[in-house]
């Protein structure tokens, strides 16, 4: 994931929609199976957030949402 190392961490704006989209994408792509905490949070999140069917990659996020998503990956990666 070279792209995430090259992107500078920038301040993000507080926008609930961007936060939900970024966390949804992170949990759906980076969970460790159905027994993981990430999968449990994803399942709980689907009770209040209905993502767009077009939301598939980080490129589908707003710039602010993409920054949040990249920060989540950086914070949770195990290199």
N, C-alpha and C. Protein backbone atom coordinates (compact mmCIF):
# COMPACT_ATOMS: atom_id res chain seq x y z
N UNK A 1 0.81 -1.19 0.00
CA UNK A 1 0.00 0.00 0.00
C UNK A 1 0.86 1.25 0.00
N UNK A 2 1.65 1.39 -0.99
CA UNK A 2 2.57 2.50 -1.11
C UNK A 2 1.84 3.85 -1.12
N UNK A 3 0.66 3.89 -1.69
CA UNK A 3 -0.07 5.15 -1.82
C UNK A 3 -0.32 5.80 -0.46
N UNK A 4 -0.59 5.00 0.58
CA UNK A 4 -0.91 5.57 1.88
C UNK A 4 0.33 6.10 2.59
N UNK A 5 1.50 5.60 2.24
CA UNK A 5 2.73 6.12 2.83
C UNK A 5 3.09 7.47 2.22
N UNK A 6 2.72 7.68 0.97
CA UNK A 6 3.08 8.90 0.27
C UNK A 6 2.14 10.06 0.58
N UNK A 7 0.94 9.78 1.02
CA UNK A 7 -0.04 10.83 1.29
C UNK A 7 0.24 11.43 2.66
N UNK A 8 0.36 12.73 2.69
CA UNK A 8 0.61 13.42 3.95
C UNK A 8 -0.66 13.45 4.78
N UNK A 9 -0.49 13.37 6.08
CA UNK A 9 -1.62 13.48 6.97
C UNK A 9 -2.01 14.95 7.05
N UNK A 10 -3.23 15.24 6.68
CA UNK A 10 -3.71 16.62 6.68
C UNK A 10 -4.90 16.74 7.62
N UNK A 11 -5.14 17.93 8.14
CA UNK A 11 -6.30 18.12 9.00
C UNK A 11 -7.59 17.82 8.25
N UNK A 12 -8.53 17.25 8.94
CA UNK A 12 -9.81 16.93 8.33
C UNK A 12 -10.90 17.77 8.97
N UNK A 13 -11.96 17.98 8.22
CA UNK A 13 -13.12 18.72 8.73
C UNK A 13 -14.09 17.75 9.38
N UNK A 14 -14.82 18.22 10.37
CA UNK A 14 -15.83 17.39 11.01
C UNK A 14 -17.08 17.41 10.14
N UNK A 15 -17.31 16.31 9.48
CA UNK A 15 -18.49 16.13 8.63
C UNK A 15 -18.98 14.71 8.86
N UNK A 16 -20.14 14.58 9.50
CA UNK A 16 -20.64 13.25 9.88
C UNK A 16 -20.76 12.30 8.69
N UNK A 17 -21.19 12.82 7.57
CA UNK A 17 -21.36 11.97 6.40
C UNK A 17 -20.00 11.42 5.92
N UNK A 18 -19.00 12.29 5.85
CA UNK A 18 -17.66 11.85 5.45
C UNK A 18 -17.10 10.83 6.44
N UNK A 19 -17.32 11.08 7.71
CA UNK A 19 -16.84 10.17 8.75
C UNK A 19 -17.49 8.79 8.60
N UNK A 20 -18.81 8.78 8.43
CA UNK A 20 -19.52 7.50 8.27
C UNK A 20 -19.06 6.76 7.03
N UNK A 21 -18.93 7.46 5.92
CA UNK A 21 -18.49 6.81 4.69
C UNK A 21 -17.08 6.23 4.84
N UNK A 22 -16.18 7.00 5.43
CA UNK A 22 -14.80 6.55 5.59
C UNK A 22 -14.73 5.34 6.52
N UNK A 23 -15.44 5.40 7.64
CA UNK A 23 -15.42 4.27 8.57
C UNK A 23 -16.09 3.05 7.95
N UNK A 24 -17.18 3.23 7.23
CA UNK A 24 -17.84 2.11 6.56
C UNK A 24 -16.87 1.44 5.59
N UNK A 25 -16.22 2.23 4.77
CA UNK A 25 -15.29 1.67 3.79
C UNK A 25 -14.12 0.98 4.49
N UNK A 26 -13.60 1.59 5.54
CA UNK A 26 -12.50 0.98 6.28
C UNK A 26 -12.92 -0.35 6.89
N UNK A 27 -14.05 -0.37 7.59
CA UNK A 27 -14.50 -1.60 8.24
C UNK A 27 -14.82 -2.69 7.22
N UNK A 28 -15.39 -2.31 6.08
CA UNK A 28 -15.76 -3.33 5.10
C UNK A 28 -14.56 -3.90 4.37
N UNK A 29 -13.48 -3.14 4.26
CA UNK A 29 -12.30 -3.62 3.53
C UNK A 29 -11.19 -4.14 4.42
N UNK A 30 -11.16 -3.75 5.68
CA UNK A 30 -10.03 -4.10 6.54
C UNK A 30 -10.41 -4.92 7.76
N UNK A 31 -11.60 -5.53 7.77
CA UNK A 31 -11.94 -6.37 8.93
C UNK A 31 -11.20 -7.70 8.84
N UNK A 32 -11.12 -8.39 9.97
CA UNK A 32 -10.38 -9.65 10.05
C UNK A 32 -11.32 -10.85 10.21
N UNK A 33 -12.42 -10.83 9.52
CA UNK A 33 -13.37 -11.94 9.60
C UNK A 33 -14.58 -11.59 10.44
N UNK A 34 -15.56 -12.47 10.43
CA UNK A 34 -16.84 -12.18 11.07
C UNK A 34 -16.76 -12.11 12.59
N UNK A 35 -15.70 -12.61 13.18
CA UNK A 35 -15.58 -12.53 14.63
C UNK A 35 -14.75 -11.33 15.09
N UNK A 36 -14.30 -10.51 14.16
CA UNK A 36 -13.45 -9.37 14.52
C UNK A 36 -14.28 -8.19 15.02
N UNK A 37 -13.63 -7.33 15.76
CA UNK A 37 -14.27 -6.12 16.28
C UNK A 37 -14.69 -5.21 15.13
N UNK A 38 -13.87 -5.13 14.10
CA UNK A 38 -14.19 -4.29 12.95
C UNK A 38 -15.49 -4.75 12.28
N UNK A 39 -15.66 -6.05 12.15
CA UNK A 39 -16.87 -6.58 11.52
C UNK A 39 -18.09 -6.31 12.39
N UNK A 40 -17.93 -6.42 13.69
CA UNK A 40 -19.02 -6.11 14.61
C UNK A 40 -19.43 -4.64 14.51
N UNK A 41 -18.44 -3.77 14.42
CA UNK A 41 -18.74 -2.33 14.28
C UNK A 41 -19.40 -2.03 12.94
N UNK A 42 -18.96 -2.73 11.89
CA UNK A 42 -19.58 -2.58 10.58
C UNK A 42 -21.05 -2.98 10.63
N UNK A 43 -21.34 -4.11 11.26
CA UNK A 43 -22.72 -4.58 11.37
C UNK A 43 -23.58 -3.60 12.15
N UNK A 44 -23.04 -3.07 13.24
CA UNK A 44 -23.78 -2.09 14.05
C UNK A 44 -24.01 -0.81 13.26
N UNK A 45 -23.01 -0.42 12.52
CA UNK A 45 -23.08 0.81 11.73
C UNK A 45 -24.18 0.75 10.68
N UNK A 46 -24.41 -0.42 10.12
CA UNK A 46 -25.43 -0.57 9.09
C UNK A 46 -26.84 -0.35 9.63
N UNK A 47 -26.99 -0.28 10.93
CA UNK A 47 -28.28 0.05 11.54
C UNK A 47 -28.65 1.51 11.38
N UNK A 48 -27.66 2.38 11.21
CA UNK A 48 -27.95 3.81 11.08
C UNK A 48 -27.35 4.45 9.83
N UNK A 49 -26.57 3.72 9.08
CA UNK A 49 -25.95 4.28 7.88
C UNK A 49 -26.19 3.35 6.70
N UNK A 50 -26.79 3.88 5.66
CA UNK A 50 -27.03 3.11 4.44
C UNK A 50 -26.11 3.66 3.34
N UNK A 51 -25.02 2.94 3.06
CA UNK A 51 -24.06 3.45 2.07
C UNK A 51 -24.59 3.37 0.65
N UNK A 52 -24.05 4.20 -0.18
CA UNK A 52 -24.38 4.18 -1.60
C UNK A 52 -23.83 2.89 -2.21
N UNK A 53 -24.57 2.28 -3.14
CA UNK A 53 -24.04 1.10 -3.82
C UNK A 53 -22.78 1.42 -4.64
N UNK A 54 -22.55 2.69 -4.92
CA UNK A 54 -21.38 3.09 -5.71
C UNK A 54 -20.13 3.27 -4.85
N UNK A 55 -20.27 3.17 -3.54
CA UNK A 55 -19.14 3.34 -2.63
C UNK A 55 -18.34 2.04 -2.58
N UNK A 56 -17.21 2.02 -3.28
CA UNK A 56 -16.40 0.80 -3.35
C UNK A 56 -14.95 1.00 -2.97
N UNK A 57 -14.38 2.14 -3.30
CA UNK A 57 -12.97 2.38 -3.00
C UNK A 57 -12.80 3.78 -2.42
N UNK A 58 -11.59 4.07 -1.97
CA UNK A 58 -11.29 5.40 -1.45
C UNK A 58 -11.49 6.50 -2.46
N UNK A 59 -11.39 6.15 -3.75
CA UNK A 59 -11.58 7.16 -4.79
C UNK A 59 -13.03 7.66 -4.86
N UNK A 60 -13.95 6.90 -4.30
CA UNK A 60 -15.36 7.28 -4.32
C UNK A 60 -15.72 8.26 -3.20
N UNK A 61 -14.78 8.52 -2.31
CA UNK A 61 -15.02 9.42 -1.18
C UNK A 61 -14.73 10.87 -1.56
N UNK A 62 -15.26 11.78 -0.78
CA UNK A 62 -14.89 13.19 -0.92
C UNK A 62 -13.42 13.33 -0.49
N UNK A 63 -12.75 14.42 -0.82
CA UNK A 63 -11.37 14.60 -0.36
C UNK A 63 -11.24 14.51 1.16
N UNK A 64 -12.19 15.09 1.89
CA UNK A 64 -12.18 15.02 3.34
C UNK A 64 -12.38 13.57 3.80
N UNK A 65 -13.32 12.87 3.19
CA UNK A 65 -13.56 11.46 3.53
C UNK A 65 -12.35 10.60 3.23
N UNK A 66 -11.67 10.88 2.12
CA UNK A 66 -10.47 10.13 1.76
C UNK A 66 -9.36 10.35 2.79
N UNK A 67 -9.23 11.58 3.29
CA UNK A 67 -8.23 11.84 4.33
C UNK A 67 -8.54 11.07 5.60
N UNK A 68 -9.81 11.03 5.98
CA UNK A 68 -10.22 10.26 7.16
C UNK A 68 -9.91 8.79 6.95
N UNK A 69 -10.24 8.26 5.78
CA UNK A 69 -9.99 6.87 5.43
C UNK A 69 -8.49 6.55 5.50
N UNK A 70 -7.66 7.40 4.92
CA UNK A 70 -6.20 7.18 4.94
C UNK A 70 -5.66 7.22 6.37
N UNK A 71 -6.18 8.13 7.18
CA UNK A 71 -5.75 8.21 8.58
C UNK A 71 -6.13 6.94 9.34
N UNK A 72 -7.30 6.39 9.06
CA UNK A 72 -7.71 5.13 9.70
C UNK A 72 -6.76 3.99 9.32
N UNK A 73 -6.41 3.92 8.06
CA UNK A 73 -5.51 2.87 7.61
C UNK A 73 -4.14 3.03 8.26
N UNK A 74 -3.63 4.26 8.27
CA UNK A 74 -2.33 4.50 8.87
C UNK A 74 -2.32 4.10 10.33
N UNK A 75 -3.39 4.45 11.04
CA UNK A 75 -3.48 4.19 12.46
C UNK A 75 -3.59 2.69 12.78
N UNK A 76 -4.21 1.93 11.89
CA UNK A 76 -4.52 0.53 12.18
C UNK A 76 -3.65 -0.48 11.45
N UNK A 77 -2.75 -0.02 10.62
CA UNK A 77 -1.87 -0.96 9.90
C UNK A 77 -0.87 -1.60 10.82
N UNK A 78 -0.54 -2.82 10.52
CA UNK A 78 0.46 -3.55 11.31
C UNK A 78 1.62 -3.89 10.39
N UNK A 79 2.52 -2.95 10.23
CA UNK A 79 3.69 -3.16 9.36
C UNK A 79 4.83 -3.78 10.14
